[in-house]
PDB file of N, CA and C in Angstrom:
ATOM      1  N   MET A   1      -7.720 -24.952  -9.365  1.00  0.00           N
ATOM      2  CA  MET A   1      -7.718 -24.090  -8.200  1.00  0.00           C
ATOM      3  C   MET A   1      -8.883 -24.479  -7.302  1.00  0.00           C
ATOM      4  N   ASP A   2      -8.607 -24.583  -6.035  1.00  0.00           N
ATOM      5  CA  ASP A   2      -9.645 -24.901  -5.070  1.00  0.00           C
ATOM      6  C   ASP A   2     -10.179 -23.586  -4.489  1.00  0.00           C
ATOM      7  N   ARG A   3     -11.338 -23.190  -4.969  1.00  0.00           N
ATOM      8  CA  ARG A   3     -11.911 -21.903  -4.545  1.00  0.00           C
ATOM      9  C   ARG A   3     -12.257 -21.882  -3.063  1.00  0.00           C
ATOM     10  N   ALA A   4     -12.643 -23.008  -2.505  1.00  0.00           N
ATOM     11  CA  ALA A   4     -13.006 -23.056  -1.088  1.00  0.00           C
ATOM     12  C   ALA A   4     -11.794 -22.708  -0.220  1.00  0.00           C
ATOM     13  N   ILE A   5     -10.622 -23.232  -0.569  1.00  0.00           N
ATOM     14  CA  ILE A   5      -9.407 -22.934   0.184  1.00  0.00           C
ATOM     15  C   ILE A   5      -9.030 -21.469   0.021  1.00  0.00           C
ATOM     16  N   LEU A   6      -9.101 -20.973  -1.209  1.00  0.00           N
ATOM     17  CA  LEU A   6      -8.787 -19.568  -1.475  1.00  0.00           C
ATOM     18  C   LEU A   6      -9.724 -18.659  -0.683  1.00  0.00           C
ATOM     19  N   GLU A   7     -10.999 -18.956  -0.721  1.00  0.00           N
ATOM     20  CA  GLU A   7     -11.977 -18.138  -0.005  1.00  0.00           C
ATOM     21  C   GLU A   7     -11.715 -18.167   1.506  1.00  0.00           C
ATOM     22  N   TYR A   8     -11.431 -19.329   2.049  1.00  0.00           N
ATOM     23  CA  TYR A   8     -11.154 -19.457   3.483  1.00  0.00           C
ATOM     24  C   TYR A   8      -9.939 -18.621   3.881  1.00  0.00           C
ATOM     25  N   ILE A   9      -8.868 -18.753   3.128  1.00  0.00           N
ATOM     26  CA  ILE A   9      -7.638 -18.023   3.442  1.00  0.00           C
ATOM     27  C   ILE A   9      -7.856 -16.523   3.322  1.00  0.00           C
ATOM     28  N   MET A  10      -8.546 -16.092   2.287  1.00  0.00           N
ATOM     29  CA  MET A  10      -8.778 -14.663   2.104  1.00  0.00           C
ATOM     30  C   MET A  10      -9.670 -14.102   3.207  1.00  0.00           C
ATOM     31  N   ASN A  11     -10.709 -14.834   3.588  1.00  0.00           N
ATOM     32  CA  ASN A  11     -11.576 -14.384   4.682  1.00  0.00           C
ATOM     33  C   ASN A  11     -10.802 -14.326   5.997  1.00  0.00           C
ATOM     34  N   LEU A  12      -9.993 -15.341   6.264  1.00  0.00           N
ATOM     35  CA  LEU A  12      -9.183 -15.362   7.473  1.00  0.00           C
ATOM     36  C   LEU A  12      -8.210 -14.183   7.495  1.00  0.00           C
ATOM     37  N   SER A  13      -7.596 -13.893   6.361  1.00  0.00           N
ATOM     38  CA  SER A  13      -6.631 -12.791   6.301  1.00  0.00           C
ATOM     39  C   SER A  13      -7.315 -11.448   6.553  1.00  0.00           C
ATOM     40  N   LYS A  14      -8.522 -11.275   6.053  1.00  0.00           N
ATOM     41  CA  LYS A  14      -9.257 -10.022   6.291  1.00  0.00           C
ATOM     42  C   LYS A  14      -9.613  -9.886   7.769  1.00  0.00           C
ATOM     43  N   GLN A  15     -10.049 -10.977   8.380  1.00  0.00           N
ATOM     44  CA  GLN A  15     -10.438 -10.942   9.796  1.00  0.00           C
ATOM     45  C   GLN A  15      -9.256 -10.669  10.716  1.00  0.00           C
ATOM     46  N   THR A  16      -8.097 -11.167  10.337  1.00  0.00           N
ATOM     47  CA  THR A  16      -6.906 -11.018  11.177  1.00  0.00           C
ATOM     48  C   THR A  16      -6.000  -9.874  10.719  1.00  0.00           C
ATOM     49  N   ARG A  17      -6.405  -9.189   9.661  1.00  0.00           N
ATOM     50  CA  ARG A  17      -5.650  -8.062   9.096  1.00  0.00           C
ATOM     51  C   ARG A  17      -4.238  -8.469   8.667  1.00  0.00           C
ATOM     52  N   ILE A  18      -4.131  -9.666   8.113  1.00  0.00           N
ATOM     53  CA  ILE A  18      -2.863 -10.152   7.572  1.00  0.00           C
ATOM     54  C   ILE A  18      -2.888  -9.959   6.063  1.00  0.00           C
ATOM     55  N   LYS A  19      -1.860  -9.327   5.530  1.00  0.00           N
ATOM     56  CA  LYS A  19      -1.780  -9.134   4.086  1.00  0.00           C
ATOM     57  C   LYS A  19      -1.430 -10.447   3.408  1.00  0.00           C
ATOM     58  N   VAL A  20      -1.990 -10.641   2.212  1.00  0.00           N
ATOM     59  CA  VAL A  20      -1.814 -11.892   1.485  1.00  0.00           C
ATOM     60  C   VAL A  20      -1.232 -11.621   0.101  1.00  0.00           C
ATOM     61  N   CYS A  21      -0.286 -12.468  -0.293  1.00  0.00           N
ATOM     62  CA  CYS A  21       0.211 -12.484  -1.661  1.00  0.00           C
ATOM     63  C   CYS A  21      -0.240 -13.804  -2.274  1.00  0.00           C
ATOM     64  N   VAL A  22      -1.072 -13.713  -3.288  1.00  0.00           N
ATOM     65  CA  VAL A  22      -1.551 -14.912  -3.969  1.00  0.00           C
ATOM     66  C   VAL A  22      -0.547 -15.261  -5.059  1.00  0.00           C
ATOM     67  N   GLU A  23       0.033 -16.435  -4.946  1.00  0.00           N
ATOM     68  CA  GLU A  23       1.011 -16.898  -5.928  1.00  0.00           C
ATOM     69  C   GLU A  23       0.359 -17.896  -6.875  1.00  0.00           C
ATOM     70  N   GLY A  24       0.957 -18.056  -8.030  1.00  0.00           N
ATOM     71  CA  GLY A  24       0.464 -19.038  -8.992  1.00  0.00           C
ATOM     72  C   GLY A  24      -0.527 -18.478  -9.977  1.00  0.00           C
ATOM     73  N   VAL A  25      -0.527 -17.158 -10.182  1.00  0.00           N
ATOM     74  CA  VAL A  25      -1.417 -16.541 -11.157  1.00  0.00           C
ATOM     75  C   VAL A  25      -0.796 -16.769 -12.530  1.00  0.00           C
ATOM     76  N   GLU A  26      -1.257 -17.824 -13.196  1.00  0.00           N
ATOM     77  CA  GLU A  26      -0.618 -18.256 -14.431  1.00  0.00           C
ATOM     78  C   GLU A  26      -1.464 -18.066 -15.681  1.00  0.00           C
ATOM     79  N   ASN A  27      -2.743 -17.733 -15.518  1.00  0.00           N
ATOM     80  CA  ASN A  27      -3.579 -17.484 -16.699  1.00  0.00           C
ATOM     81  C   ASN A  27      -4.720 -16.544 -16.333  1.00  0.00           C
ATOM     82  N   GLU A  28      -5.452 -16.086 -17.342  1.00  0.00           N
ATOM     83  CA  GLU A  28      -6.527 -15.113 -17.150  1.00  0.00           C
ATOM     84  C   GLU A  28      -7.657 -15.659 -16.283  1.00  0.00           C
ATOM     85  N   GLU A  29      -7.942 -16.943 -16.385  1.00  0.00           N
ATOM     86  CA  GLU A  29      -9.005 -17.543 -15.584  1.00  0.00           C
ATOM     87  C   GLU A  29      -8.678 -17.460 -14.090  1.00  0.00           C
ATOM     88  N   ILE A  30      -7.466 -17.831 -13.738  1.00  0.00           N
ATOM     89  CA  ILE A  30      -7.042 -17.754 -12.337  1.00  0.00           C
ATOM     90  C   ILE A  30      -7.053 -16.303 -11.869  1.00  0.00           C
ATOM     91  N   LEU A  31      -6.559 -15.411 -12.699  1.00  0.00           N
ATOM     92  CA  LEU A  31      -6.529 -13.989 -12.344  1.00  0.00           C
ATOM     93  C   LEU A  31      -7.930 -13.465 -12.038  1.00  0.00           C
ATOM     94  N   SER A  32      -8.899 -13.795 -12.879  1.00  0.00           N
ATOM     95  CA  SER A  32     -10.253 -13.280 -12.672  1.00  0.00           C
ATOM     96  C   SER A  32     -10.871 -13.827 -11.382  1.00  0.00           C
ATOM     97  N   VAL A  33     -10.603 -15.081 -11.048  1.00  0.00           N
ATOM     98  CA  VAL A  33     -11.124 -15.669  -9.805  1.00  0.00           C
ATOM     99  C   VAL A  33     -10.454 -15.007  -8.602  1.00  0.00           C
ATOM    100  N   VAL A  34      -9.141 -14.903  -8.646  1.00  0.00           N
ATOM    101  CA  VAL A  34      -8.382 -14.358  -7.518  1.00  0.00           C
ATOM    102  C   VAL A  34      -8.753 -12.896  -7.269  1.00  0.00           C
ATOM    103  N   GLN A  35      -8.955 -12.123  -8.311  1.00  0.00           N
ATOM    104  CA  GLN A  35      -9.261 -10.705  -8.154  1.00  0.00           C
ATOM    105  C   GLN A  35     -10.578 -10.458  -7.420  1.00  0.00           C
ATOM    106  N   THR A  36     -11.487 -11.402  -7.456  1.00  0.00           N
ATOM    107  CA  THR A  36     -12.752 -11.218  -6.751  1.00  0.00           C
ATOM    108  C   THR A  36     -12.556 -11.137  -5.237  1.00  0.00           C
ATOM    109  N   TYR A  37     -11.439 -11.680  -4.734  1.00  0.00           N
ATOM    110  CA  TYR A  37     -11.142 -11.661  -3.300  1.00  0.00           C
ATOM    111  C   TYR A  37     -10.280 -10.475  -2.888  1.00  0.00           C
ATOM    112  N   LYS A  38      -9.831  -9.689  -3.851  1.00  0.00           N
ATOM    113  CA  LYS A  38      -9.059  -8.463  -3.618  1.00  0.00           C
ATOM    114  C   LYS A  38      -7.838  -8.653  -2.712  1.00  0.00           C
ATOM    115  N   PRO A  39      -6.921  -9.535  -3.114  1.00  0.00           N
ATOM    116  CA  PRO A  39      -5.695  -9.691  -2.319  1.00  0.00           C
ATOM    117  C   PRO A  39      -4.805  -8.455  -2.463  1.00  0.00           C
ATOM    118  N   GLU A  40      -3.925  -8.262  -1.504  1.00  0.00           N
ATOM    119  CA  GLU A  40      -3.028  -7.110  -1.550  1.00  0.00           C
ATOM    120  C   GLU A  40      -1.977  -7.248  -2.641  1.00  0.00           C
ATOM    121  N   LEU A  41      -1.500  -8.478  -2.867  1.00  0.00           N
ATOM    122  CA  LEU A  41      -0.440  -8.715  -3.843  1.00  0.00           C
ATOM    123  C   LEU A  41      -0.749  -9.950  -4.680  1.00  0.00           C
ATOM    124  N   LEU A  42      -0.274  -9.928  -5.922  1.00  0.00           N
ATOM    125  CA  LEU A  42      -0.396 -11.075  -6.822  1.00  0.00           C
ATOM    126  C   LEU A  42       0.976 -11.404  -7.376  1.00  0.00           C
ATOM    127  N   GLN A  43       1.215 -12.689  -7.622  1.00  0.00           N
ATOM    128  CA  GLN A  43       2.490 -13.106  -8.196  1.00  0.00           C
ATOM    129  C   GLN A  43       2.229 -14.299  -9.100  1.00  0.00           C
ATOM    130  N   GLY A  44       2.861 -14.291 -10.263  1.00  0.00           N
ATOM    131  CA  GLY A  44       2.726 -15.419 -11.170  1.00  0.00           C
ATOM    132  C   GLY A  44       3.270 -15.111 -12.550  1.00  0.00           C
ATOM    133  N   ILE A  45       3.425 -16.125 -13.343  1.00  0.00           N
ATOM    134  CA  ILE A  45       4.021 -16.012 -14.676  1.00  0.00           C
ATOM    135  C   ILE A  45       3.193 -15.115 -15.593  1.00  0.00           C
ATOM    136  N   LEU A  46       1.889 -15.031 -15.365  1.00  0.00           N
ATOM    137  CA  LEU A  46       1.041 -14.145 -16.173  1.00  0.00           C
ATOM    138  C   LEU A  46       1.421 -12.690 -15.951  1.00  0.00           C
ATOM    139  N   LEU A  47       1.833 -12.349 -14.753  1.00  0.00           N
ATOM    140  CA  LEU A  47       2.140 -10.969 -14.394  1.00  0.00           C
ATOM    141  C   LEU A  47       3.600 -10.609 -14.600  1.00  0.00           C
ATOM    142  N   PHE A  48       4.504 -11.546 -14.305  1.00  0.00           N
ATOM    143  CA  PHE A  48       5.940 -11.297 -14.405  1.00  0.00           C
ATOM    144  C   PHE A  48       6.619 -12.524 -14.988  1.00  0.00           C
ATOM    145  N   GLN A  49       7.412 -12.328 -16.001  1.00  0.00           N
ATOM    146  CA  GLN A  49       8.157 -13.420 -16.592  1.00  0.00           C
ATOM    147  C   GLN A  49       9.268 -13.861 -15.636  1.00  0.00           C
ATOM    148  N   THR A  50       9.621 -15.130 -15.682  1.00  0.00           N
ATOM    149  CA  THR A  50      10.692 -15.664 -14.856  1.00  0.00           C
ATOM    150  C   THR A  50      12.006 -14.979 -15.208  1.00  0.00           C
ATOM    151  N   LEU A  51      12.763 -14.582 -14.180  1.00  0.00           N
ATOM    152  CA  LEU A  51      14.037 -13.900 -14.380  1.00  0.00           C
ATOM    153  C   LEU A  51      15.177 -14.734 -13.821  1.00  0.00           C
ATOM    154  N   SER A  52      16.348 -14.557 -14.395  1.00  0.00           N
ATOM    155  CA  SER A  52      17.544 -15.188 -13.846  1.00  0.00           C
ATOM    156  C   SER A  52      17.935 -14.461 -12.568  1.00  0.00           C
ATOM    157  N   GLY A  53      18.890 -15.014 -11.837  1.00  0.00           N
ATOM    158  CA  GLY A  53      19.358 -14.361 -10.615  1.00  0.00           C
ATOM    159  C   GLY A  53      19.832 -12.941 -10.862  1.00  0.00           C
ATOM    160  N   GLY A  54      20.618 -12.741 -11.896  1.00  0.00           N
ATOM    161  CA  GLY A  54      21.098 -11.395 -12.229  1.00  0.00           C
ATOM    162  C   GLY A  54      19.977 -10.487 -12.688  1.00  0.00           C
ATOM    163  N   GLY A  55      18.996 -11.048 -13.385  1.00  0.00           N
ATOM    164  CA  GLY A  55      17.856 -10.266 -13.851  1.00  0.00           C
ATOM    165  C   GLY A  55      17.004  -9.743 -12.718  1.00  0.00           C
ATOM    166  N   ILE A  56      16.905 -10.513 -11.659  1.00  0.00           N
ATOM    167  CA  ILE A  56      16.126 -10.085 -10.493  1.00  0.00           C
ATOM    168  C   ILE A  56      16.762  -8.852  -9.867  1.00  0.00           C
ATOM    169  N   PHE A  57      18.081  -8.880  -9.673  1.00  0.00           N
ATOM    170  CA  PHE A  57      18.763  -7.725  -9.079  1.00  0.00           C
ATOM    171  C   PHE A  57      18.633  -6.495  -9.969  1.00  0.00           C
ATOM    172  N   LYS A  58      18.731  -6.688 -11.274  1.00  0.00           N
ATOM    173  CA  LYS A  58      18.589  -5.574 -12.208  1.00  0.00           C
ATOM    174  C   LYS A  58      17.205  -4.950 -12.075  1.00  0.00           C
ATOM    175  N   GLU A  59      16.168  -5.759 -12.020  1.00  0.00           N
ATOM    176  CA  GLU A  59      14.805  -5.260 -11.883  1.00  0.00           C
ATOM    177  C   GLU A  59      14.605  -4.536 -10.557  1.00  0.00           C
ATOM    178  N   ILE A  60      15.147  -5.070  -9.480  1.00  0.00           N
ATOM    179  CA  ILE A  60      15.005  -4.444  -8.161  1.00  0.00           C
ATOM    180  C   ILE A  60      15.676  -3.081  -8.148  1.00  0.00           C
ATOM    181  N   PHE A  61      16.891  -2.995  -8.675  1.00  0.00           N
ATOM    182  CA  PHE A  61      17.598  -1.721  -8.659  1.00  0.00           C
ATOM    183  C   PHE A  61      16.923  -0.694  -9.551  1.00  0.00           C
ATOM    184  N   GLN A  62      16.363  -1.100 -10.673  1.00  0.00           N
ATOM    185  CA  GLN A  62      15.639  -0.160 -11.542  1.00  0.00           C
ATOM    186  C   GLN A  62      14.359   0.298 -10.874  1.00  0.00           C
ATOM    187  N   TRP A  63      13.675  -0.597 -10.165  1.00  0.00           N
ATOM    188  CA  TRP A  63      12.432  -0.265  -9.498  1.00  0.00           C
ATOM    189  C   TRP A  63      12.644   0.737  -8.366  1.00  0.00           C
ATOM    190  N   LYS A  64      13.771   0.615  -7.651  1.00  0.00           N
ATOM    191  CA  LYS A  64      14.043   1.508  -6.520  1.00  0.00           C
ATOM    192  C   LYS A  64      14.431   2.902  -6.940  1.00  0.00           C
ATOM    193  N   ARG A  65      14.780   3.102  -8.188  1.00  0.00           N
ATOM    194  CA  ARG A  65      15.231   4.445  -8.633  1.00  0.00           C
ATOM    195  C   ARG A  65      14.101   5.378  -8.802  1.00  0.00           C
TER     196      ARG A  65
END
């Protein structure tokens, strides 16, 4: 992970009030680094297991209930 790029993007997003979803959170080390920048959203295999196409719809419909 290139921390300089992450830091630049996160600082830019705060200055411009653009919400950021950090993707690629695949292990605890990445998670701990990313959390220091307090992004609005996180996405990655550490947080959510890969789902099939049908599994995604099932999860979305259960979440909306």
